[in-house]
Amino acid sequence: MGQEDTARLNELAAGLVLPEGLRWHDDRLWFSDIEAKRVCSVDLEGKMRIELELDDNPSGLGWLPDKTLLVVSMRRQQILAVVKGRPVLHADLTGLALAHANDMIVDAQGRAYVGSMGYDIWAGERFRPGNICAVRPDGSAFVAADGLAFPNGMAIHRDRSLIVAESVAGKLTAFDIAADGDLRSRRTWAAMDGETPDGIAIEETGALWVAGASSGSAIRCIRNRGAIQRISLPAGCTAYSVAIGGPKKTILFIGCSSPFSSHASSRMTTRPGTIKWIDLTIGSE
C-alpha cells in the first residue's frame, strides 16, 4: 500500500454530525453520533439503525462480558448500561472525572476505562490535564491515571497494556494493567509530533491505526517509531475515530467530520459527518 491513498476510500454512512467511538461488534459497526445525541450501528451494506437516543452527548462505547452495551454520557459524567433498549446508570463518575467524560474501552473482565478531558473545549476553557477513570464491573470506580494531556482514544493491546492518545501532547501513551485494574508503568508508546491523535484501533499485527484529527488522515503507527503509513481524507474532512472490522478484520473504518475549529461556534449541529472505509488488503504490498 502506498504512503497515501484516498482513491480506495468508500462511504459507509452519511448524514451524521460527529461520529465517534467506533467499535466493530456482532457484525456491525457501532458508533456515537455525539452532537446528534444518539448511538447507532450500521452493517456493511450501509443499513443503519438507531440503537439509543439520549438527552446528553454520548461518546465511548463498550460491552460487558454478558454483552450489555455501555455508553458514556459526557456532560453527566456517567456510564450508562443499555438494558432492554433503555439506559440505566452503571457508574457515576461525578467527583472523579475532570470536565466531560469522553472515550472508553472495556476489557475482557468488564472493566471500563474512561478518559475525562480536563477542561471544556466547547466553552473555550484553557487547558487543564485530564485523567482516566476505571470502572469495575459492579459500577464502582476510581482514578487509574491522572496528569494526561487530553486523554482521548483508547485501546487494549495484545500484550495487555492500555494505550491512550494524549491529543494535546501529540503522543500515544501506554500503561500496564495491574491485576486490580489500576494503570501503572506509564511510558510513551509512540510520539506523534505535530499531530492530534484521537481514536485508536489495533491490527492483529500489533500495529495501531490512529485518527489524526489535525492532519485529516488515518495513520498507521508502530511502537517507538510512530507513523509509518498514512491514508489522507478529502480536503475539509478530518478523522476523529477509527475501528477495524469486517468478516476477516481487514476493513479500516474512519469516523469523519469537518475540522473542530469550524465547529466552535456552531456547536457541531450541521451534518458533514460520514463514516468511510477501506479494505487494507487491497493494493497492499
C-alpha atoms as a PDB file:
ATOM      1  CA  MET A   1       0.000   0.000   0.000  1.00  0.00           C
ATOM      2  CA  GLY A   2       1.289   3.434  -0.852  1.00  0.00           C
ATOM      3  CA  GLN A   3       2.154   6.115   1.652  1.00  0.00           C
ATOM      4  CA  GLU A   4      -1.060   7.986   0.942  1.00  0.00           C
ATOM      5  CA  ASP A   5      -4.152   6.529  -0.712  1.00  0.00           C
ATOM      6  CA  THR A   6      -7.509   8.267  -0.849  1.00  0.00           C
ATOM      7  CA  ALA A   7      -8.730   6.690  -4.091  1.00  0.00           C
ATOM      8  CA  ARG A   8      -9.835   3.469  -2.411  1.00  0.00           C
ATOM      9  CA  LEU A   9     -11.895   5.145   0.311  1.00  0.00           C
ATOM     10  CA  ASN A  10     -15.571   4.180   0.309  1.00  0.00           C
ATOM     11  CA  GLU A  11     -18.521   5.716   2.155  1.00  0.00           C
ATOM     12  CA  LEU A  12     -20.497   3.550   4.567  1.00  0.00           C
ATOM     13  CA  ALA A  13     -22.783   6.120   6.223  1.00  0.00           C
ATOM     14  CA  ALA A  14     -23.598   9.801   5.716  1.00  0.00           C
ATOM     15  CA  GLY A  15     -25.974  12.373   7.188  1.00  0.00           C
ATOM     16  CA  LEU A  16     -24.169  12.239  10.532  1.00  0.00           C
ATOM     17  CA  VAL A  17     -22.787  15.072  12.676  1.00  0.00           C
ATOM     18  CA  LEU A  18     -19.771  13.821  14.609  1.00  0.00           C
ATOM     19  CA  PRO A  19     -19.340  10.018  14.536  1.00  0.00           C
ATOM     20  CA  GLU A  20     -17.101   8.933  17.418  1.00  0.00           C
ATOM     21  CA  GLY A  21     -16.307   5.849  19.491  1.00  0.00           C
ATOM     22  CA  LEU A  22     -16.330   3.453  16.513  1.00  0.00           C
ATOM     23  CA  ARG A  23     -16.463  -0.204  17.565  1.00  0.00           C
ATOM     24  CA  TRP A  24     -16.962  -3.394  15.495  1.00  0.00           C
ATOM     25  CA  HIS A  25     -19.367  -5.706  17.344  1.00  0.00           C
ATOM     26  CA  ASP A  26     -21.683  -8.534  16.226  1.00  0.00           C
ATOM     27  CA  ASP A  27     -21.037  -7.964  12.517  1.00  0.00           C
ATOM     28  CA  ARG A  28     -21.964  -4.276  12.716  1.00  0.00           C
ATOM     29  CA  LEU A  29     -20.095  -1.026  13.178  1.00  0.00           C
ATOM     30  CA  TRP A  30     -21.342   0.810  16.260  1.00  0.00           C
ATOM     31  CA  PHE A  31     -20.723   4.495  16.939  1.00  0.00           C
ATOM     32  CA  SER A  32     -21.869   7.527  18.887  1.00  0.00           C
ATOM     33  CA  ASP A  33     -23.078  10.487  16.849  1.00  0.00           C
ATOM     34  CA  ILE A  34     -22.125  12.900  19.612  1.00  0.00           C
ATOM     35  CA  GLU A  35     -23.972  16.073  18.692  1.00  0.00           C
ATOM     36  CA  ALA A  36     -26.990  14.185  17.336  1.00  0.00           C
ATOM     37  CA  LYS A  37     -27.248  12.591  20.818  1.00  0.00           C
ATOM     38  CA  ARG A  38     -27.681   9.075  19.562  1.00  0.00           C
ATOM     39  CA  VAL A  39     -25.894   5.731  19.353  1.00  0.00           C
ATOM     40  CA  CYS A  40     -26.179   3.967  16.005  1.00  0.00           C
ATOM     41  CA  SER A  41     -24.964   0.853  14.241  1.00  0.00           C
ATOM     42  CA  VAL A  42     -24.546   0.109  10.563  1.00  0.00           C
ATOM     43  CA  ASP A  43     -23.897  -3.067   8.599  1.00  0.00           C
ATOM     44  CA  LEU A  44     -21.521  -3.439   5.677  1.00  0.00           C
ATOM     45  CA  GLU A  45     -24.335  -2.709   3.232  1.00  0.00           C
ATOM     46  CA  GLY A  46     -24.867   0.693   4.827  1.00  0.00           C
ATOM     47  CA  LYS A  47     -28.133  -0.193   6.565  1.00  0.00           C
ATOM     48  CA  MET A  48     -28.155   1.940   9.694  1.00  0.00           C
ATOM     49  CA  ARG A  49     -30.285   1.718  12.789  1.00  0.00           C
ATOM     50  CA  ILE A  50     -30.593   3.933  15.853  1.00  0.00           C
ATOM     51  CA  GLU A  51     -29.738   1.898  18.951  1.00  0.00           C
ATOM     52  CA  LEU A  52     -30.247   4.576  21.606  1.00  0.00           C
ATOM     53  CA  GLU A  53     -31.246   8.233  21.860  1.00  0.00           C
ATOM     54  CA  LEU A  54     -30.143  10.352  24.823  1.00  0.00           C
ATOM     55  CA  ASP A  55     -30.709  13.800  26.278  1.00  0.00           C
ATOM     56  CA  ASP A  56     -26.926  14.100  26.643  1.00  0.00           C
ATOM     57  CA  ASN A  57     -23.939  13.677  24.330  1.00  0.00           C
ATOM     58  CA  PRO A  58     -22.836  10.029  24.067  1.00  0.00           C
ATOM     59  CA  SER A  59     -19.208   9.135  23.465  1.00  0.00           C
ATOM     60  CA  GLY A  60     -17.275   5.939  24.238  1.00  0.00           C
ATOM     61  CA  LEU A  61     -18.879   2.521  23.733  1.00  0.00           C
ATOM     62  CA  GLY A  62     -18.125  -0.951  25.040  1.00  0.00           C
ATOM     63  CA  TRP A  63     -19.698  -4.215  26.155  1.00  0.00           C
ATOM     64  CA  LEU A  64     -19.716  -6.167  29.384  1.00  0.00           C
ATOM     65  CA  PRO A  65     -18.987  -9.906  29.210  1.00  0.00           C
ATOM     66  CA  ASP A  66     -22.755 -10.587  29.142  1.00  0.00           C
ATOM     67  CA  LYS A  67     -22.960  -8.356  26.011  1.00  0.00           C
ATOM     68  CA  THR A  68     -24.652  -5.448  27.807  1.00  0.00           C
ATOM     69  CA  LEU A  69     -23.838  -2.232  25.946  1.00  0.00           C
ATOM     70  CA  LEU A  70     -22.135   0.527  27.934  1.00  0.00           C
ATOM     71  CA  VAL A  71     -22.311   4.151  26.780  1.00  0.00           C
ATOM     72  CA  VAL A  72     -20.504   7.221  28.111  1.00  0.00           C
ATOM     73  CA  SER A  73     -22.822  10.134  28.932  1.00  0.00           C
ATOM     74  CA  MET A  74     -20.385  13.003  28.530  1.00  0.00           C
ATOM     75  CA  ARG A  75     -21.777  16.010  30.389  1.00  0.00           C
ATOM     76  CA  ARG A  76     -23.394  13.999  33.165  1.00  0.00           C
ATOM     77  CA  GLN A  77     -20.121  12.127  33.710  1.00  0.00           C
ATOM     78  CA  GLN A  78     -21.917   8.806  33.790  1.00  0.00           C
ATOM     79  CA  ILE A  79     -21.622   5.349  32.268  1.00  0.00           C
ATOM     80  CA  LEU A  80     -24.979   4.003  31.151  1.00  0.00           C
ATOM     81  CA  ALA A  81     -25.889   0.355  30.626  1.00  0.00           C
ATOM     82  CA  VAL A  82     -28.486  -0.333  27.952  1.00  0.00           C
ATOM     83  CA  VAL A  83     -30.968  -2.839  29.348  1.00  0.00           C
ATOM     84  CA  LYS A  84     -33.915  -3.901  27.166  1.00  0.00           C
ATOM     85  CA  GLY A  85     -33.277  -0.878  24.960  1.00  0.00           C
ATOM     86  CA  ARG A  86     -33.301   1.647  27.805  1.00  0.00           C
ATOM     87  CA  PRO A  87     -30.366   3.345  29.562  1.00  0.00           C
ATOM     88  CA  VAL A  88     -29.803   2.695  33.265  1.00  0.00           C
ATOM     89  CA  LEU A  89     -26.998   4.016  35.433  1.00  0.00           C
ATOM     90  CA  HIS A  90     -23.952   1.742  35.557  1.00  0.00           C
ATOM     91  CA  ALA A  91     -21.446   4.156  37.142  1.00  0.00           C
ATOM     92  CA  ASP A  92     -21.412   7.775  38.277  1.00  0.00           C
ATOM     93  CA  LEU A  93     -18.031   9.446  37.761  1.00  0.00           C
ATOM     94  CA  THR A  94     -19.006  12.735  39.402  1.00  0.00           C
ATOM     95  CA  GLY A  95     -16.135  13.777  41.641  1.00  0.00           C
ATOM     96  CA  LEU A  96     -13.688  11.593  39.724  1.00  0.00           C
ATOM     97  CA  ALA A  97     -13.925  12.737  36.096  1.00  0.00           C
ATOM     98  CA  LEU A  98     -12.444  16.116  35.221  1.00  0.00           C
ATOM     99  CA  ALA A  99     -14.809  18.011  32.894  1.00  0.00           C
ATOM    100  CA  HIS A 100     -16.529  15.870  30.242  1.00  0.00           C
ATOM    101  CA  ALA A 101     -16.226  12.099  30.255  1.00  0.00           C
ATOM    102  CA  ASN A 102     -15.132  11.032  26.796  1.00  0.00           C
ATOM    103  CA  ASP A 103     -13.799   7.903  25.112  1.00  0.00           C
ATOM    104  CA  MET A 104     -13.872   4.437  26.679  1.00  0.00           C
ATOM    105  CA  ILE A 105     -12.516   0.928  26.304  1.00  0.00           C
ATOM    106  CA  VAL A 106     -13.903  -2.128  28.115  1.00  0.00           C
ATOM    107  CA  ASP A 107     -11.619  -5.095  28.817  1.00  0.00           C
ATOM    108  CA  ALA A 108     -12.476  -8.802  28.802  1.00  0.00           C
ATOM    109  CA  GLN A 109     -13.221  -8.725  32.540  1.00  0.00           C
ATOM    110  CA  GLY A 110     -15.798  -5.970  32.077  1.00  0.00           C
ATOM    111  CA  ARG A 111     -13.655  -3.163  33.477  1.00  0.00           C
ATOM    112  CA  ALA A 112     -14.287   0.109  31.696  1.00  0.00           C
ATOM    113  CA  TYR A 113     -11.598   2.757  31.290  1.00  0.00           C
ATOM    114  CA  VAL A 114     -12.976   6.227  30.639  1.00  0.00           C
ATOM    115  CA  GLY A 115     -10.963   9.300  29.778  1.00  0.00           C
ATOM    116  CA  SER A 116     -12.052  12.721  31.000  1.00  0.00           C
ATOM    117  CA  MET A 117     -10.889  15.793  29.136  1.00  0.00           C
ATOM    118  CA  GLY A 118      -9.815  18.056  31.976  1.00  0.00           C
ATOM    119  CA  TYR A 119     -11.470  21.174  30.572  1.00  0.00           C
ATOM    120  CA  ASP A 120     -14.474  22.187  28.461  1.00  0.00           C
ATOM    121  CA  ILE A 121     -13.210  22.573  24.909  1.00  0.00           C
ATOM    122  CA  TRP A 122     -16.640  23.629  23.637  1.00  0.00           C
ATOM    123  CA  ALA A 123     -16.743  26.519  26.111  1.00  0.00           C
ATOM    124  CA  GLY A 124     -13.253  27.622  25.109  1.00  0.00           C
ATOM    125  CA  GLU A 125     -11.734  26.947  28.535  1.00  0.00           C
ATOM    126  CA  ARG A 126      -7.980  26.934  28.978  1.00  0.00           C
ATOM    127  CA  PHE A 127      -6.127  23.632  29.042  1.00  0.00           C
ATOM    128  CA  ARG A 128      -6.090  21.590  32.227  1.00  0.00           C
ATOM    129  CA  PRO A 129      -4.834  17.980  32.468  1.00  0.00           C
ATOM    130  CA  GLY A 130      -7.387  15.175  32.443  1.00  0.00           C
ATOM    131  CA  ASN A 131      -7.462  11.647  33.812  1.00  0.00           C
ATOM    132  CA  ILE A 132      -8.599   8.080  33.204  1.00  0.00           C
ATOM    133  CA  CYS A 133     -11.231   6.570  35.495  1.00  0.00           C
ATOM    134  CA  ALA A 134     -11.513   2.816  35.905  1.00  0.00           C
ATOM    135  CA  VAL A 135     -14.974   1.347  36.444  1.00  0.00           C
ATOM    136  CA  ARG A 136     -15.270  -2.142  37.890  1.00  0.00           C
ATOM    137  CA  PRO A 137     -17.995  -4.489  36.605  1.00  0.00           C
ATOM    138  CA  ASP A 138     -20.091  -3.697  39.691  1.00  0.00           C
ATOM    139  CA  GLY A 139     -20.042   0.021  38.809  1.00  0.00           C
ATOM    140  CA  SER A 140     -17.615   1.156  41.493  1.00  0.00           C
ATOM    141  CA  ALA A 141     -14.947   3.487  40.151  1.00  0.00           C
ATOM    142  CA  PHE A 142     -11.573   5.046  40.916  1.00  0.00           C
ATOM    143  CA  VAL A 143      -8.981   7.264  39.190  1.00  0.00           C
ATOM    144  CA  ALA A 144      -6.483   4.945  37.490  1.00  0.00           C
ATOM    145  CA  ALA A 145      -4.215   7.582  35.906  1.00  0.00           C
ATOM    146  CA  ASP A 146      -4.003  11.360  36.016  1.00  0.00           C
ATOM    147  CA  GLY A 147      -1.998  14.234  34.575  1.00  0.00           C
ATOM    148  CA  LEU A 148      -2.891  13.363  30.974  1.00  0.00           C
ATOM    149  CA  ALA A 149      -2.916  15.956  28.201  1.00  0.00           C
ATOM    150  CA  PHE A 150      -6.484  15.415  26.942  1.00  0.00           C
ATOM    151  CA  PRO A 151      -6.851  11.616  27.103  1.00  0.00           C
ATOM    152  CA  ASN A 152      -8.811  10.547  24.061  1.00  0.00           C
ATOM    153  CA  GLY A 153      -8.999   7.303  22.078  1.00  0.00           C
ATOM    154  CA  MET A 154      -8.027   4.119  23.922  1.00  0.00           C
ATOM    155  CA  ALA A 155      -7.308   0.519  23.067  1.00  0.00           C
ATOM    156  CA  ILE A 156      -6.046  -2.573  24.869  1.00  0.00           C
ATOM    157  CA  HIS A 157      -3.030  -4.109  23.159  1.00  0.00           C
ATOM    158  CA  ARG A 158      -2.438  -7.812  22.809  1.00  0.00           C
ATOM    159  CA  ASP A 159       0.308  -7.525  25.464  1.00  0.00           C
ATOM    160  CA  ARG A 160      -2.459  -6.459  27.899  1.00  0.00           C
ATOM    161  CA  SER A 161      -1.290  -2.857  28.054  1.00  0.00           C
ATOM    162  CA  LEU A 162      -3.702   0.045  27.702  1.00  0.00           C
ATOM    163  CA  ILE A 163      -2.781   2.652  25.101  1.00  0.00           C
ATOM    164  CA  VAL A 164      -4.318   6.122  25.154  1.00  0.00           C
ATOM    165  CA  ALA A 165      -3.987   9.034  22.756  1.00  0.00           C
ATOM    166  CA  GLU A 166      -2.883  12.187  24.553  1.00  0.00           C
ATOM    167  CA  SER A 167      -4.298  14.581  21.979  1.00  0.00           C
ATOM    168  CA  VAL A 168      -2.762  17.827  23.262  1.00  0.00           C
ATOM    169  CA  ALA A 169       0.648  16.225  23.886  1.00  0.00           C
ATOM    170  CA  GLY A 170       0.758  14.648  20.421  1.00  0.00           C
ATOM    171  CA  LYS A 171       1.666  11.152  21.560  1.00  0.00           C
ATOM    172  CA  LEU A 172       0.404   7.673  22.385  1.00  0.00           C
ATOM    173  CA  THR A 173       0.919   6.657  26.000  1.00  0.00           C
ATOM    174  CA  ALA A 174       0.919   3.090  27.346  1.00  0.00           C
ATOM    175  CA  PHE A 175       0.180   1.670  30.797  1.00  0.00           C
ATOM    176  CA  ASP A 176       0.387  -1.811  32.239  1.00  0.00           C
ATOM    177  CA  ILE A 177      -2.994  -3.004  33.532  1.00  0.00           C
ATOM    178  CA  ALA A 178      -2.482  -4.319  37.064  1.00  0.00           C
ATOM    179  CA  ALA A 179      -4.473  -7.232  38.492  1.00  0.00           C
ATOM    180  CA  ASP A 180      -6.648  -4.790  40.437  1.00  0.00           C
ATOM    181  CA  GLY A 181      -7.366  -2.748  37.306  1.00  0.00           C
ATOM    182  CA  ASP A 182      -5.020   0.104  38.166  1.00  0.00           C
ATOM    183  CA  LEU A 183      -2.831   1.597  35.418  1.00  0.00           C
ATOM    184  CA  ARG A 184       0.912   1.528  36.093  1.00  0.00           C
ATOM    185  CA  SER A 185       4.333   1.939  34.445  1.00  0.00           C
ATOM    186  CA  ARG A 186       3.373   4.920  32.308  1.00  0.00           C
ATOM    187  CA  ARG A 187       5.509   5.276  29.182  1.00  0.00           C
ATOM    188  CA  THR A 188       5.416   6.746  25.680  1.00  0.00           C
ATOM    189  CA  TRP A 189       4.324   4.131  23.138  1.00  0.00           C
ATOM    190  CA  ALA A 190       4.965   6.384  20.143  1.00  0.00           C
ATOM    191  CA  ALA A 191       5.495  10.096  19.571  1.00  0.00           C
ATOM    192  CA  MET A 192       3.239  11.772  17.000  1.00  0.00           C
ATOM    193  CA  ASP A 193       4.863  15.185  16.809  1.00  0.00           C
ATOM    194  CA  GLY A 194       2.703  17.810  15.132  1.00  0.00           C
ATOM    195  CA  GLU A 195      -0.374  15.545  15.172  1.00  0.00           C
ATOM    196  CA  THR A 196      -3.526  15.479  17.304  1.00  0.00           C
ATOM    197  CA  PRO A 197      -4.168  11.760  17.828  1.00  0.00           C
ATOM    198  CA  ASP A 198      -7.738  10.732  18.606  1.00  0.00           C
ATOM    199  CA  GLY A 199      -9.356   7.305  18.152  1.00  0.00           C
ATOM    200  CA  ILE A 200      -7.248   4.121  18.114  1.00  0.00           C
ATOM    201  CA  ALA A 201      -7.704   0.687  16.560  1.00  0.00           C
ATOM    202  CA  ILE A 202      -5.302  -2.262  16.785  1.00  0.00           C
ATOM    203  CA  GLU A 203      -4.341  -4.570  13.924  1.00  0.00           C
ATOM    204  CA  GLU A 204      -3.741  -8.249  14.507  1.00  0.00           C
ATOM    205  CA  THR A 205      -0.067  -7.479  13.749  1.00  0.00           C
ATOM    206  CA  GLY A 206       0.060  -5.252  16.836  1.00  0.00           C
ATOM    207  CA  ALA A 207       0.370  -2.046  14.838  1.00  0.00           C
ATOM    208  CA  LEU A 208      -2.091   0.755  15.592  1.00  0.00           C
ATOM    209  CA  TRP A 209      -4.296   2.866  13.377  1.00  0.00           C
ATOM    210  CA  VAL A 210      -4.858   6.320  14.812  1.00  0.00           C
ATOM    211  CA  ALA A 211      -7.307   9.037  13.771  1.00  0.00           C
ATOM    212  CA  GLY A 212      -5.257  12.138  13.014  1.00  0.00           C
ATOM    213  CA  ALA A 213      -7.573  14.988  13.927  1.00  0.00           C
ATOM    214  CA  SER A 214      -5.212  17.764  12.849  1.00  0.00           C
ATOM    215  CA  SER A 215      -3.967  16.246   9.588  1.00  0.00           C
ATOM    216  CA  GLY A 216      -7.252  14.786   8.345  1.00  0.00           C
ATOM    217  CA  SER A 217      -5.884  11.279   7.989  1.00  0.00           C
ATOM    218  CA  ALA A 218      -5.754   7.784   9.401  1.00  0.00           C
ATOM    219  CA  ILE A 219      -2.225   6.929  10.482  1.00  0.00           C
ATOM    220  CA  ARG A 220      -0.618   3.535  10.985  1.00  0.00           C
ATOM    221  CA  CYS A 221       1.861   3.520  13.861  1.00  0.00           C
ATOM    222  CA  ILE A 222       4.242   1.067  15.446  1.00  0.00           C
ATOM    223  CA  ARG A 223       5.808   1.204  18.879  1.00  0.00           C
ATOM    224  CA  ASN A 224       8.745   3.592  19.311  1.00  0.00           C
ATOM    225  CA  ARG A 225       8.665   4.641  15.644  1.00  0.00           C
ATOM    226  CA  GLY A 226       5.363   6.440  15.292  1.00  0.00           C
ATOM    227  CA  ALA A 227       3.759   6.942  11.871  1.00  0.00           C
ATOM    228  CA  ILE A 228       4.757   4.556   9.089  1.00  0.00           C
ATOM    229  CA  GLN A 229       1.760   4.924   6.773  1.00  0.00           C
ATOM    230  CA  ARG A 230      -0.981   7.452   6.156  1.00  0.00           C
ATOM    231  CA  ILE A 231      -4.387   7.444   4.458  1.00  0.00           C
ATOM    232  CA  SER A 232      -5.460  11.002   3.774  1.00  0.00           C
ATOM    233  CA  LEU A 233      -9.097  12.078   3.743  1.00  0.00           C
ATOM    234  CA  PRO A 234     -10.621  14.509   1.238  1.00  0.00           C
ATOM    235  CA  ALA A 235      -9.974  18.202   1.790  1.00  0.00           C
ATOM    236  CA  GLY A 236     -12.046  19.742   4.579  1.00  0.00           C
ATOM    237  CA  CYS A 237     -12.586  16.384   6.277  1.00  0.00           C
ATOM    238  CA  THR A 238     -10.821  15.174   9.386  1.00  0.00           C
ATOM    239  CA  ALA A 239     -10.675  11.884  11.272  1.00  0.00           C
ATOM    240  CA  TYR A 240     -11.981  11.530  14.825  1.00  0.00           C
ATOM    241  CA  SER A 241     -12.287   7.780  15.308  1.00  0.00           C
ATOM    242  CA  VAL A 242     -11.189   4.512  13.724  1.00  0.00           C
ATOM    243  CA  ALA A 243     -12.085   0.840  14.043  1.00  0.00           C
ATOM    244  CA  ILE A 244     -11.011  -2.385  12.370  1.00  0.00           C
ATOM    245  CA  GLY A 245     -13.653  -4.942  11.484  1.00  0.00           C
ATOM    246  CA  GLY A 246     -15.381  -6.854   8.755  1.00  0.00           C
ATOM    247  CA  PRO A 247     -15.575 -10.650   8.369  1.00  0.00           C
ATOM    248  CA  LYS A 248     -11.771 -11.008   8.251  1.00  0.00           C
ATOM    249  CA  LYS A 249     -10.933  -7.935  10.380  1.00  0.00           C
ATOM    250  CA  THR A 250      -9.282  -6.284   7.383  1.00  0.00           C
ATOM    251  CA  ILE A 251     -11.524  -3.230   6.962  1.00  0.00           C
ATOM    252  CA  LEU A 252     -10.491   0.099   8.445  1.00  0.00           C
ATOM    253  CA  PHE A 253     -13.441   2.348   9.320  1.00  0.00           C
ATOM    254  CA  ILE A 254     -12.897   6.084   9.796  1.00  0.00           C
ATOM    255  CA  GLY A 255     -15.351   8.416  11.532  1.00  0.00           C
ATOM    256  CA  CYS A 256     -15.100  11.781   9.804  1.00  0.00           C
ATOM    257  CA  SER A 257     -16.443  15.307  10.135  1.00  0.00           C
ATOM    258  CA  SER A 258     -15.270  18.838   9.461  1.00  0.00           C
ATOM    259  CA  PRO A 259     -12.280  20.216  11.399  1.00  0.00           C
ATOM    260  CA  PHE A 260     -13.054  21.025  15.009  1.00  0.00           C
ATOM    261  CA  SER A 261     -12.217  24.730  14.735  1.00  0.00           C
ATOM    262  CA  SER A 262     -15.144  25.244  12.375  1.00  0.00           C
ATOM    263  CA  HIS A 263     -17.474  23.665  14.961  1.00  0.00           C
ATOM    264  CA  ALA A 264     -16.617  26.018  17.810  1.00  0.00           C
ATOM    265  CA  SER A 265     -19.490  28.452  17.235  1.00  0.00           C
ATOM    266  CA  SER A 266     -21.961  26.128  15.502  1.00  0.00           C
ATOM    267  CA  ARG A 267     -21.866  23.510  18.308  1.00  0.00           C
ATOM    268  CA  MET A 268     -21.484  20.850  15.639  1.00  0.00           C
ATOM    269  CA  THR A 269     -25.166  20.750  14.722  1.00  0.00           C
ATOM    270  CA  THR A 270     -24.656  20.613  10.952  1.00  0.00           C
ATOM    271  CA  ARG A 271     -24.284  17.267   9.206  1.00  0.00           C
ATOM    272  CA  PRO A 272     -20.955  16.949   7.430  1.00  0.00           C
ATOM    273  CA  GLY A 273     -20.238  13.698   9.270  1.00  0.00           C
ATOM    274  CA  THR A 274     -19.592  10.445   7.428  1.00  0.00           C
ATOM    275  CA  ILE A 275     -18.070   7.052   8.044  1.00  0.00           C
ATOM    276  CA  LYS A 276     -15.600   5.924   5.411  1.00  0.00           C
ATOM    277  CA  TRP A 277     -13.934   2.570   4.964  1.00  0.00           C
ATOM    278  CA  ILE A 278     -11.016   1.000   3.157  1.00  0.00           C
ATOM    279  CA  ASP A 279     -10.013  -2.632   2.705  1.00  0.00           C
ATOM    280  CA  LEU A 280      -6.450  -2.795   3.972  1.00  0.00           C
ATOM    281  CA  THR A 281      -5.652  -5.947   1.957  1.00  0.00           C
ATOM    282  CA  ILE A 282      -6.469  -4.498  -1.459  1.00  0.00           C
ATOM    283  CA  GLY A 283      -3.444  -2.900  -3.008  1.00  0.00           C
ATOM    284  CA  SER A 284      -1.182  -3.861  -0.116  1.00  0.00           C
ATOM    285  CA  GLU A 285       2.318  -4.897  -0.865  1.00  0.00           C
END
